[in-house]
Protein backbone atom coordinates (compact mmCIF):
# COMPACT_ATOMS: atom_id res chain seq x y z
CA MET A 1 94.61 112.87 187.53
CA GLU A 2 91.69 111.16 189.39
CA GLU A 3 89.37 112.46 186.32
CA ASN A 4 91.32 111.31 184.04
CA GLN A 5 91.44 108.12 186.06
CA SER A 6 88.11 108.11 185.90
CA TYR A 7 87.56 108.51 182.04
CA LEU A 8 89.82 105.10 181.67
CA ALA A 9 88.05 103.16 183.48
CA THR A 10 84.23 104.23 182.18
CA GLU A 11 84.21 105.47 178.72
CA LYS A 12 83.57 103.78 175.81
CA VAL A 13 86.34 101.56 174.75
CA SER A 14 85.87 102.67 171.18
CA LYS A 15 85.88 106.29 171.96
CA LEU A 16 89.22 105.36 174.29
CA MET A 17 91.19 103.49 171.35
CA GLY A 18 90.40 106.38 168.76
CA LYS A 19 91.30 109.06 171.57
CA TYR A 20 95.02 107.27 172.01
CA ALA A 21 95.24 105.88 168.70
CA VAL A 22 95.20 108.93 166.02
CA PRO A 23 98.16 110.54 167.08
CA CYS A 24 100.49 107.21 167.30
CA ILE A 25 98.97 106.28 163.86
CA ILE A 26 99.65 109.72 162.97
CA SER A 27 103.76 109.43 164.36
CA LEU A 28 104.13 106.07 162.87
CA LEU A 29 102.74 106.70 159.37
CA VAL A 30 104.91 109.91 159.12
CA GLY A 31 108.11 108.24 160.41
CA ALA A 32 107.27 105.70 157.17
CA LEU A 33 106.71 108.40 155.24
CA TYR A 34 110.94 109.25 154.58
CA ASN A 35 111.43 105.84 152.71
CA ILE A 36 108.23 105.42 150.89
CA VAL A 37 108.90 108.90 149.93
CA ASP A 38 112.21 108.30 148.40
CA GLN A 39 111.58 105.51 146.89
CA ILE A 40 108.45 107.07 145.28
CA PHE A 41 110.54 109.58 143.78
CA ILE A 42 113.15 107.35 142.87
CA ALA A 43 111.36 105.10 140.79
CA ASN A 44 109.68 107.30 138.72
CA ALA A 45 112.80 108.85 137.55
CA SER A 46 113.81 107.31 134.40
CA TYR A 47 116.97 107.71 134.84
CA LEU A 48 117.28 105.57 138.43
CA GLY A 49 114.26 103.46 137.92
CA SER A 50 114.21 99.79 139.42
CA TYR A 51 118.00 99.78 140.09
CA GLY A 52 117.38 102.90 142.37
CA ASN A 53 114.41 101.17 143.98
CA ALA A 54 116.53 98.33 144.47
CA ALA A 55 119.33 100.54 146.10
CA ASN A 56 116.83 101.86 148.26
CA THR A 57 115.62 98.51 149.34
CA VAL A 58 119.42 97.08 149.96
CA VAL A 59 119.95 100.36 152.17
CA PHE A 60 116.72 100.13 154.27
CA PRO A 61 117.76 97.16 156.84
CA LEU A 62 120.95 99.81 157.45
CA THR A 63 118.42 102.80 158.91
CA VAL A 64 116.58 99.92 160.66
CA ILE A 65 119.54 99.05 162.59
CA ALA A 66 120.37 102.92 163.30
CA LEU A 67 116.35 103.09 164.67
CA ALA A 68 116.94 100.21 167.39
CA ILE A 69 119.79 101.47 169.19
CA ALA A 70 117.81 105.27 169.11
CA VAL A 71 114.39 103.67 170.27
CA MET A 72 116.57 101.52 172.58
CA ILE A 73 117.59 104.63 174.47
CA GLY A 74 114.37 106.60 174.09
CA ASP A 75 111.80 104.25 174.68
CA GLY A 76 114.27 103.32 177.86
CA CYS A 77 114.35 106.85 178.76
CA CYS A 78 111.01 107.48 178.33
CA ALA A 79 109.98 104.63 180.79
CA PHE A 80 113.03 106.07 183.27
CA VAL A 81 111.84 109.26 182.95
CA SER A 82 108.07 108.63 183.61
CA LEU A 83 108.42 106.06 186.24
CA ASN A 84 110.62 108.80 187.78
CA LEU A 85 108.50 111.49 187.62
CA GLY A 86 105.33 109.86 189.06
CA LEU A 87 107.58 108.92 192.08
CA GLY A 88 108.86 113.12 192.43
CA ASN A 89 112.41 112.22 191.70
CA ARG A 90 113.16 114.67 189.24
CA GLU A 91 116.63 114.65 189.17
CA ALA A 92 117.03 110.78 188.58
CA ALA A 93 114.32 111.81 185.85
CA ALA A 94 117.03 114.87 184.53
CA GLY A 95 119.61 111.77 184.85
CA SER A 96 118.25 109.80 182.11
CA VAL A 97 117.56 112.36 179.80
CA GLY A 98 121.31 113.69 179.66
CA LEU A 99 122.56 110.21 179.57
CA SER A 100 119.99 109.65 176.91
CA VAL A 101 121.76 112.52 174.40
CA LEU A 102 125.17 111.27 175.46
CA MET A 103 124.38 108.02 174.43
CA THR A 104 122.84 108.52 171.95
CA LEU A 105 125.45 111.18 170.39
CA VAL A 106 128.74 108.60 171.46
CA SER A 107 126.48 105.66 169.73
CA SER A 108 125.30 107.35 166.49
CA VAL A 109 129.13 108.61 165.82
CA PHE A 110 130.59 105.61 166.19
CA LEU A 111 127.63 103.38 163.93
CA CYS A 112 128.32 106.56 161.61
CA ALA A 113 132.27 105.77 161.30
CA VAL A 114 131.22 102.14 161.16
CA TYR A 115 129.21 102.39 158.11
CA LEU A 116 131.36 104.52 156.33
CA LEU A 117 134.54 102.47 156.92
CA PHE A 118 132.87 99.15 155.88
CA GLN A 119 130.41 100.56 154.01
CA GLU A 120 131.02 97.75 150.79
CA PRO A 121 131.23 94.18 152.75
CA ILE A 122 127.65 96.10 154.61
CA ILE A 123 126.03 96.64 151.34
CA ALA A 124 127.13 93.51 149.86
CA VAL A 125 125.89 91.51 152.97
CA PHE A 126 122.52 93.35 152.45
CA GLY A 127 122.25 92.24 148.14
CA GLY A 128 123.21 94.76 146.90
CA THR A 129 125.65 93.16 144.76
CA VAL A 130 122.70 91.89 142.81
CA ASN A 131 124.44 94.02 139.59
CA GLU A 132 126.94 96.35 139.33
CA GLU A 133 124.90 99.22 138.21
CA THR A 134 122.80 98.90 141.96
CA PHE A 135 126.03 98.24 143.98
CA ALA A 136 126.66 101.66 142.62
CA LEU A 137 123.38 103.45 143.45
CA SER A 138 123.86 102.18 146.97
CA LYS A 139 127.17 102.65 148.11
CA GLU A 140 125.37 106.84 146.86
CA TYR A 141 122.27 106.58 148.47
CA PHE A 142 124.52 104.77 151.40
CA PHE A 143 127.51 107.33 152.04
CA TYR A 144 124.67 110.52 152.42
CA ILE A 145 122.27 108.56 154.82
CA ALA A 146 125.43 107.37 156.65
CA LEU A 147 126.70 111.00 157.25
CA GLY A 148 123.01 111.88 158.45
CA ILE A 149 122.66 108.81 161.08
CA PRO A 150 123.73 110.88 163.95
CA PHE A 151 121.03 113.63 162.98
CA TYR A 152 118.42 110.82 162.43
CA MET A 153 118.77 108.67 165.72
CA PHE A 154 119.09 112.08 167.59
CA GLY A 155 115.56 113.23 166.54
CA GLN A 156 114.12 108.91 166.87
CA ALA A 157 116.06 108.59 170.38
CA MET A 158 114.15 112.10 171.57
CA ASN A 159 110.95 111.97 170.43
CA PRO A 160 109.75 109.82 173.19
CA VAL A 161 111.22 111.56 175.60
CA ILE A 162 109.77 114.96 174.34
CA ARG A 163 106.14 112.62 174.49
CA ALA A 164 107.51 111.66 178.62
CA ASP A 165 107.54 115.45 179.12
CA GLY A 166 104.02 115.69 178.20
CA SER A 167 104.14 117.35 174.93
CA PRO A 168 103.40 114.54 172.26
CA LYS A 169 102.01 117.05 169.89
CA PHE A 170 105.33 118.29 169.97
CA ALA A 171 107.54 115.51 168.90
CA MET A 172 104.96 114.33 166.07
CA ALA A 173 105.11 118.02 164.81
CA SER A 174 108.60 117.38 164.61
CA THR A 175 108.68 114.39 163.17
CA LEU A 176 106.25 115.73 160.40
CA LEU A 177 108.35 119.08 159.70
CA GLY A 178 111.54 116.27 158.40
CA ALA A 179 108.82 114.49 156.78
CA VAL A 180 107.29 117.50 154.57
CA LEU A 181 110.72 118.89 153.73
CA ASN A 182 111.69 115.72 152.98
CA ILE A 183 108.82 115.62 150.64
CA ILE A 184 109.66 119.08 148.61
CA LEU A 185 113.03 118.68 148.28
CA ASP A 186 113.04 114.56 146.56
CA PRO A 187 111.30 116.20 143.27
CA ILE A 188 113.67 119.49 143.74
CA PHE A 189 116.78 117.66 143.74
CA ILE A 190 115.58 114.50 141.63
CA PHE A 191 114.12 116.12 139.04
CA CYS A 192 115.38 119.42 138.75
CA PHE A 193 118.96 119.13 140.18
CA ARG A 194 119.04 115.69 138.50
CA TRP A 195 120.97 115.02 141.64
CA GLY A 196 119.85 110.87 141.53
CA MET A 197 120.49 109.11 144.84
CA MET A 198 122.44 111.46 146.37
CA GLY A 199 119.59 113.92 145.39
CA ALA A 200 117.10 111.73 147.12
CA ALA A 201 119.69 111.06 150.42
CA VAL A 202 120.40 114.43 151.00
CA ALA A 203 116.81 114.85 151.12
CA THR A 204 116.41 112.54 153.92
CA VAL A 205 119.13 114.02 155.62
CA ILE A 206 118.00 117.64 155.84
CA GLY A 207 114.36 116.63 156.89
CA GLN A 208 116.62 114.27 159.69
CA ILE A 209 118.58 117.62 160.71
CA ALA A 210 115.41 119.36 161.11
CA THR A 211 113.97 117.14 163.06
CA ALA A 212 117.02 116.75 164.83
CA LEU A 213 117.23 120.74 165.75
CA LEU A 214 113.78 120.93 166.77
CA SER A 215 114.57 118.09 169.73
CA LEU A 216 117.49 119.74 170.90
CA TRP A 217 115.46 123.38 171.23
CA TYR A 218 113.10 121.35 173.40
CA LEU A 219 115.53 119.69 175.45
CA LEU A 220 116.46 122.99 176.67
CA HIS A 221 113.20 124.33 176.95
CA MET A 222 111.27 121.00 179.19
CA LYS A 223 108.55 121.16 180.99
CA SER A 224 108.89 118.79 183.98
CA VAL A 225 112.78 118.20 183.86
CA LYS A 226 115.13 120.90 183.80
CA LEU A 227 118.71 119.95 182.31
CA SER A 228 122.05 120.80 184.17
CA ARG A 229 125.41 119.61 184.07
CA HIS A 230 125.27 117.44 186.51
CA ALA A 231 122.67 115.12 184.27
CA PHE A 232 125.21 114.42 181.89
CA ARG A 233 127.58 112.83 184.61
CA PRO A 234 128.47 108.85 183.28
CA ASN A 235 125.78 107.40 185.66
CA LYS A 236 126.45 103.25 185.37
CA LYS A 237 122.96 102.49 187.75
CA ILE A 238 120.79 105.03 185.66
CA ALA A 239 122.16 104.33 182.02
CA GLY A 240 121.75 100.53 182.83
CA ARG A 241 118.28 101.16 183.32
CA THR A 242 117.34 103.37 181.29
CA LEU A 243 118.75 100.51 178.89
CA SER A 244 116.80 97.80 180.24
CA LEU A 245 113.68 99.43 180.04
CA GLY A 246 114.38 99.95 176.00
CA ILE A 247 115.24 96.28 175.57
CA CYS A 248 112.25 95.28 173.98
CA SER A 249 112.40 97.90 171.79
CA PHE A 250 115.49 97.30 170.30
CA LEU A 251 114.95 93.08 169.97
CA SER A 252 111.72 93.97 168.21
CA GLN A 253 113.69 96.69 165.37
CA ILE A 254 116.57 94.35 165.12
CA SER A 255 115.23 91.27 164.75
CA LEU A 256 113.34 92.95 161.56
CA VAL A 257 117.23 93.88 160.48
CA ALA A 258 117.43 90.06 160.34
CA ALA A 259 114.49 89.03 158.63
CA MET A 260 115.21 91.49 155.75
CA ALA A 261 119.19 90.30 155.26
CA ALA A 262 117.93 87.24 154.65
CA ILE A 263 115.31 88.36 152.08
CA ASN A 264 117.37 90.64 150.44
CA ASN A 265 120.21 88.02 150.16
CA MET A 266 117.44 85.12 148.60
CA VAL A 267 115.97 87.06 146.29
CA ARG A 268 119.77 88.35 144.87
CA LYS A 269 120.86 84.45 145.48
CA TYR A 270 117.57 83.19 143.78
CA GLY A 271 117.00 85.73 141.68
CA ALA A 272 120.18 85.08 139.49
CA LEU A 273 118.72 81.31 139.10
CA ASP A 274 115.70 82.62 137.47
CA PRO A 275 115.49 82.36 133.19
CA VAL A 276 114.75 86.44 133.22
CA PHE A 277 116.27 87.73 136.19
CA GLY A 278 119.09 85.98 135.59
CA GLN A 279 119.94 88.37 133.02
CA ALA A 280 122.01 91.54 133.98
CA ALA A 281 119.26 93.61 132.43
CA TYR A 282 116.43 92.23 134.63
CA ALA A 283 118.68 91.11 138.01
CA GLN A 284 117.22 94.34 139.49
CA ILE A 285 114.06 94.02 139.53
CA PRO A 286 112.95 91.08 142.16
CA MET A 287 114.95 92.98 144.70
CA ALA A 288 113.37 95.84 144.15
CA VAL A 289 109.87 94.87 143.80
CA VAL A 290 110.22 93.27 147.32
CA GLY A 291 111.58 96.56 148.95
CA ILE A 292 108.21 98.43 147.28
CA VAL A 293 105.94 95.53 148.97
CA MET A 294 107.70 95.80 152.35
CA LYS A 295 106.99 99.65 152.06
CA VAL A 296 103.39 99.08 151.43
CA PHE A 297 103.21 96.90 154.33
CA GLN A 298 105.14 98.95 156.27
CA ILE A 299 101.97 101.54 156.03
CA VAL A 300 99.64 99.08 156.98
CA ILE A 301 101.43 97.89 159.87
CA SER A 302 101.91 101.58 161.06
CA ILE A 303 98.27 101.92 161.16
CA VAL A 304 97.89 98.58 163.22
CA ILE A 305 101.03 99.15 165.71
CA GLY A 306 99.28 102.80 165.78
CA MET A 307 95.98 101.41 167.26
CA ALA A 308 97.48 99.16 169.69
CA ALA A 309 100.00 100.86 170.72
CA GLY A 310 96.73 103.35 171.67
CA CYS A 311 95.31 100.78 173.81
CA ILE A 312 98.44 100.79 176.24
CA PRO A 313 97.59 103.45 178.74
CA VAL A 314 94.25 102.25 178.92
CA VAL A 315 94.78 98.87 179.38
CA GLY A 316 98.02 99.45 182.16
CA TYR A 317 95.11 101.56 184.15
CA ASN A 318 92.45 98.71 183.99
CA MET A 319 94.71 95.80 184.56
CA GLY A 320 96.26 97.97 187.43
CA ALA A 321 92.82 98.46 188.87
CA GLY A 322 91.45 94.80 188.15
CA ARG A 323 89.27 95.93 185.61
CA GLN A 324 89.78 92.49 183.49
CA ALA A 325 86.06 92.51 181.78
CA ARG A 326 86.76 96.08 180.35
CA VAL A 327 90.46 94.61 179.11
CA LYS A 328 88.83 92.18 177.50
CA ARG A 329 85.92 93.92 175.71
CA LEU A 330 89.10 96.43 174.92
CA PHE A 331 90.88 93.28 173.16
CA SER A 332 87.80 92.20 171.41
CA TYR A 333 87.52 95.57 169.73
CA LEU A 334 90.99 96.07 169.03
CA LEU A 335 91.24 92.38 166.84
CA ILE A 336 87.98 93.71 165.37
CA CYS A 337 89.41 96.84 163.96
CA GLU A 338 92.54 95.46 163.11
CA ALA A 339 90.88 92.30 161.35
CA ALA A 340 89.10 94.81 159.46
CA VAL A 341 92.46 97.02 158.35
CA GLY A 342 94.05 93.69 157.40
CA LEU A 343 90.73 92.80 155.21
CA ILE A 344 90.81 96.40 153.36
CA ALA A 345 94.50 95.94 152.90
CA LEU A 346 94.22 92.88 151.41
CA LEU A 347 91.75 93.52 148.98
CA VAL A 348 93.58 96.84 148.20
CA VAL A 349 96.97 94.80 147.23
CA GLU A 350 94.75 91.12 145.95
CA LEU A 351 92.64 93.54 143.77
CA LEU A 352 94.82 97.15 142.79
CA PRO A 353 98.43 95.42 142.33
CA ARG A 354 98.98 97.26 138.81
CA ARG A 355 97.54 100.80 140.23
CA LEU A 356 99.89 100.22 143.12
CA ILE A 357 103.30 99.19 140.91
CA GLY A 358 101.99 102.15 139.08
CA ILE A 359 103.01 104.50 141.82
CA PHE A 360 106.61 103.03 141.76
CA GLY A 361 107.83 104.35 138.09
CA SER A 362 106.12 100.87 136.29
CA ALA A 363 105.60 102.77 133.16
CA ASN A 364 109.41 102.93 133.02
CA GLU A 365 110.16 99.82 133.22
CA SER A 366 109.57 96.26 131.01
CA ILE A 367 107.04 94.42 131.73
CA TYR A 368 109.06 91.87 133.85
CA TYR A 369 108.60 94.58 136.37
CA THR A 370 105.01 94.70 136.92
CA GLU A 371 104.28 91.19 136.31
CA PHE A 372 106.31 90.31 138.80
CA ALA A 373 105.23 93.24 141.02
CA VAL A 374 101.77 92.10 140.51
CA LYS A 375 102.47 88.40 141.59
CA ALA A 376 104.94 89.29 145.00
CA PHE A 377 101.86 91.69 145.91
CA ARG A 378 99.14 89.01 145.76
CA ILE A 379 101.41 85.98 146.92
CA TYR A 380 103.53 88.04 150.09
CA LEU A 381 100.89 90.40 151.67
CA CYS A 382 97.89 87.26 151.01
CA MET A 383 97.99 86.59 154.78
CA ILE A 384 98.11 90.14 155.71
CA VAL A 385 94.61 90.13 158.02
CA PHE A 386 97.08 87.34 160.08
CA ALA A 387 100.07 90.13 160.26
CA CYS A 388 97.69 93.05 161.54
CA LEU A 389 96.08 90.27 164.14
CA ASN A 390 99.65 88.45 165.21
CA LYS A 391 101.13 92.37 165.83
CA ALA A 392 97.97 93.74 167.69
CA THR A 393 98.35 90.35 169.38
CA PHE A 394 102.28 91.28 170.06
CA ILE A 395 101.67 94.31 171.70
CA PHE A 396 98.35 94.15 173.71
CA LEU A 397 100.54 90.98 175.50
CA GLN A 398 102.86 93.33 176.62
CA ALA A 399 100.31 96.23 177.52
CA MET A 400 98.80 93.70 180.26
CA GLY A 401 102.32 92.90 181.40
CA ARG A 402 103.13 90.04 179.69
CA ALA A 403 105.76 91.26 178.46
CA VAL A 404 108.16 87.81 178.37
CA ALA A 405 105.31 86.49 176.23
CA SER A 406 105.29 89.34 174.00
CA THR A 407 108.50 89.37 172.89
CA MET A 408 109.18 85.70 172.36
CA LEU A 409 106.64 85.81 169.53
CA SER A 410 107.58 88.81 167.93
CA MET A 411 111.43 86.93 167.96
CA ILE A 412 109.45 83.36 167.11
CA ARG A 413 107.80 85.21 164.07
CA GLU A 414 110.50 87.59 162.66
CA ILE A 415 113.51 85.21 163.91
CA VAL A 416 112.62 81.29 163.70
CA PHE A 417 109.46 82.15 161.07
CA GLY A 418 110.35 85.27 159.25
CA VAL A 419 114.41 84.13 158.58
CA GLY A 420 113.87 80.41 158.96
CA PHE A 421 111.23 80.33 156.00
CA ALA A 422 113.53 82.83 153.98
CA LEU A 423 116.24 80.53 153.28
CA LEU A 424 114.04 77.25 153.49
CA LEU A 425 111.56 77.84 150.74
CA PRO A 426 113.94 79.18 147.84
CA LEU A 427 115.67 75.18 147.84
CA PHE A 428 112.24 74.09 147.18
CA PHE A 429 110.15 76.66 145.36
CA GLY A 430 113.36 79.39 144.28
CA LEU A 431 112.41 83.08 143.76
CA ASP A 432 108.93 82.59 144.23
CA GLY A 433 109.89 80.15 147.94
CA VAL A 434 110.67 84.20 149.16
CA LEU A 435 107.57 85.22 148.50
CA TYR A 436 106.38 82.29 150.10
CA SER A 437 107.86 82.75 153.48
CA MET A 438 105.99 85.90 154.43
CA PRO A 439 102.16 83.94 154.01
CA VAL A 440 103.81 80.80 155.74
CA SER A 441 105.35 82.77 158.72
CA ASP A 442 102.10 84.78 159.20
CA ILE A 443 100.14 81.81 159.21
CA LEU A 444 102.18 79.77 161.62
CA THR A 445 102.48 82.81 164.17
CA ALA A 446 98.71 83.64 163.30
CA ALA A 447 98.22 79.62 165.19
CA VAL A 448 100.62 80.29 168.23
CA SER A 449 99.49 83.73 168.75
CA ALA A 450 95.39 81.53 169.00
CA VAL A 451 96.88 79.72 171.84
CA ILE A 452 97.84 82.63 173.81
CA ILE A 453 94.77 84.71 172.84
CA ALA A 454 92.62 82.08 174.37
CA SER A 455 94.45 81.58 177.07
CA THR A 456 94.51 85.59 177.71
CA TYR A 457 90.57 85.63 177.64
CA LYS A 458 90.35 82.74 179.63
CA GLN A 459 92.92 84.93 182.22
CA LEU A 460 90.66 87.78 181.66
CA SER A 461 87.27 86.15 182.49
CA ARG A 462 88.50 85.28 186.15
CA LYS A 463 87.15 87.07 189.16
CA GLN A 464 88.60 90.54 190.10
CA GLY A 465 91.13 89.67 193.06
CA THR A 466 91.80 85.89 191.68
CA ASP A 467 94.56 86.68 189.27
CA PRO A 468 97.46 88.34 190.97
CA LEU A 469 99.40 87.55 188.06
CA ALA A 470 97.35 89.73 185.32
CA VAL A 471 97.69 92.65 187.86
CA HIS A 472 100.59 92.30 189.62
CA GLY A 473 102.99 89.41 188.22
CA GLU A 474 104.44 90.69 185.42
CA ALA A 475 104.04 94.39 186.25
CA GLU A 476 108.09 94.94 186.55
CA THR A 477 108.58 92.62 182.81
CA GLN A 478 106.21 95.38 181.95
CA LYS A 479 108.39 98.14 183.01
CA SER A 480 111.60 96.95 181.81
CA CYS A 481 110.17 96.70 178.45
């Protein structure tokens, strides 16, 4: 343990970030593959095309709701287990794992039932009524995805628990297996069997089942925690603490759902007023294209979050040791790397938008599909550099123990700006206003983040021992997030 601590305190920050960030990036990219792969194969099926893509866009936020609940339970359990193993309290750690399994099963079955019982109104809320064909395909896709919700949530919730038990490679492998199965089965079900949206959904669910089964196997063979019947007994104190530790993860995901719901509905509403997309034959195109742009953005953000999350153990240790100057260097290095990722992404979306949309079946679509996609990529993601820096700042603040500031910035970006401008700008700019909402939100968030970054540098520049808040002041808040 001491050797590891010495390594965190003395190794170059660039090497440390590489060591810890790469597994995070891979895991997040693998998770992002599920929806992206579905969308690529759906888009290239001529009998689905933009209608299927639009349906995928409608259903995607509903999977994020399930993910929000799962990560609240899983990340909370991960933090609780880590804290109690450090204290030598294995019984409490086992109790958190057992209760997390129960809470995941109960909440997932309940959410599945809600989705199945209120399928049509839920789809309508997320913009699925753009036209009859999109609505029909959304229902088909959503039905099978809803059936897989318990498996999806179980795999996602147990993944951080497995990492907390000291097996990050197994956690990554279980997720990777599900994604690989999805990639293999998608073309078979969509092109060979011609199962359409059902095929895409079934391929996804089979991958989720595989991940869930591997997670279940691991729970029966944990290294640090041994589960017994006693671990599954209801305990309000442990359950409450576990959920409170995961609330930041929940808020981060659920705020995205609100933003996506607003964007989808504005696309549906103002697309209907557009001279071209107001025609029934083209009504689904804006919804499909915006979904594609979001998925490309998701790939970039997976890299950004992975890099920042990889800094968390290094930041936590050095803050606790009072090595603020080292944390400052790491923050500077992270911001430079995140800006580089954003710049590369910006060049790709601005210079190669036709290549990007070509991956998503533009050859089977009208010229309106391609032209709107080119405009959407170039406008919606024109401030992606700021988006990358903003996300890095949110996560780094949390790693420093400034979880309140981190959560507030995230909520301002997704709820105040993300939802607010998605609803406001279309009043003045029509459908293009939806596209402008992203860069405007990122610019304003970057302005707020700049103030926070400046204060963070000032805090980290203080001499060791003169800033107890940096080391201890929000430590408990960090634990709870």
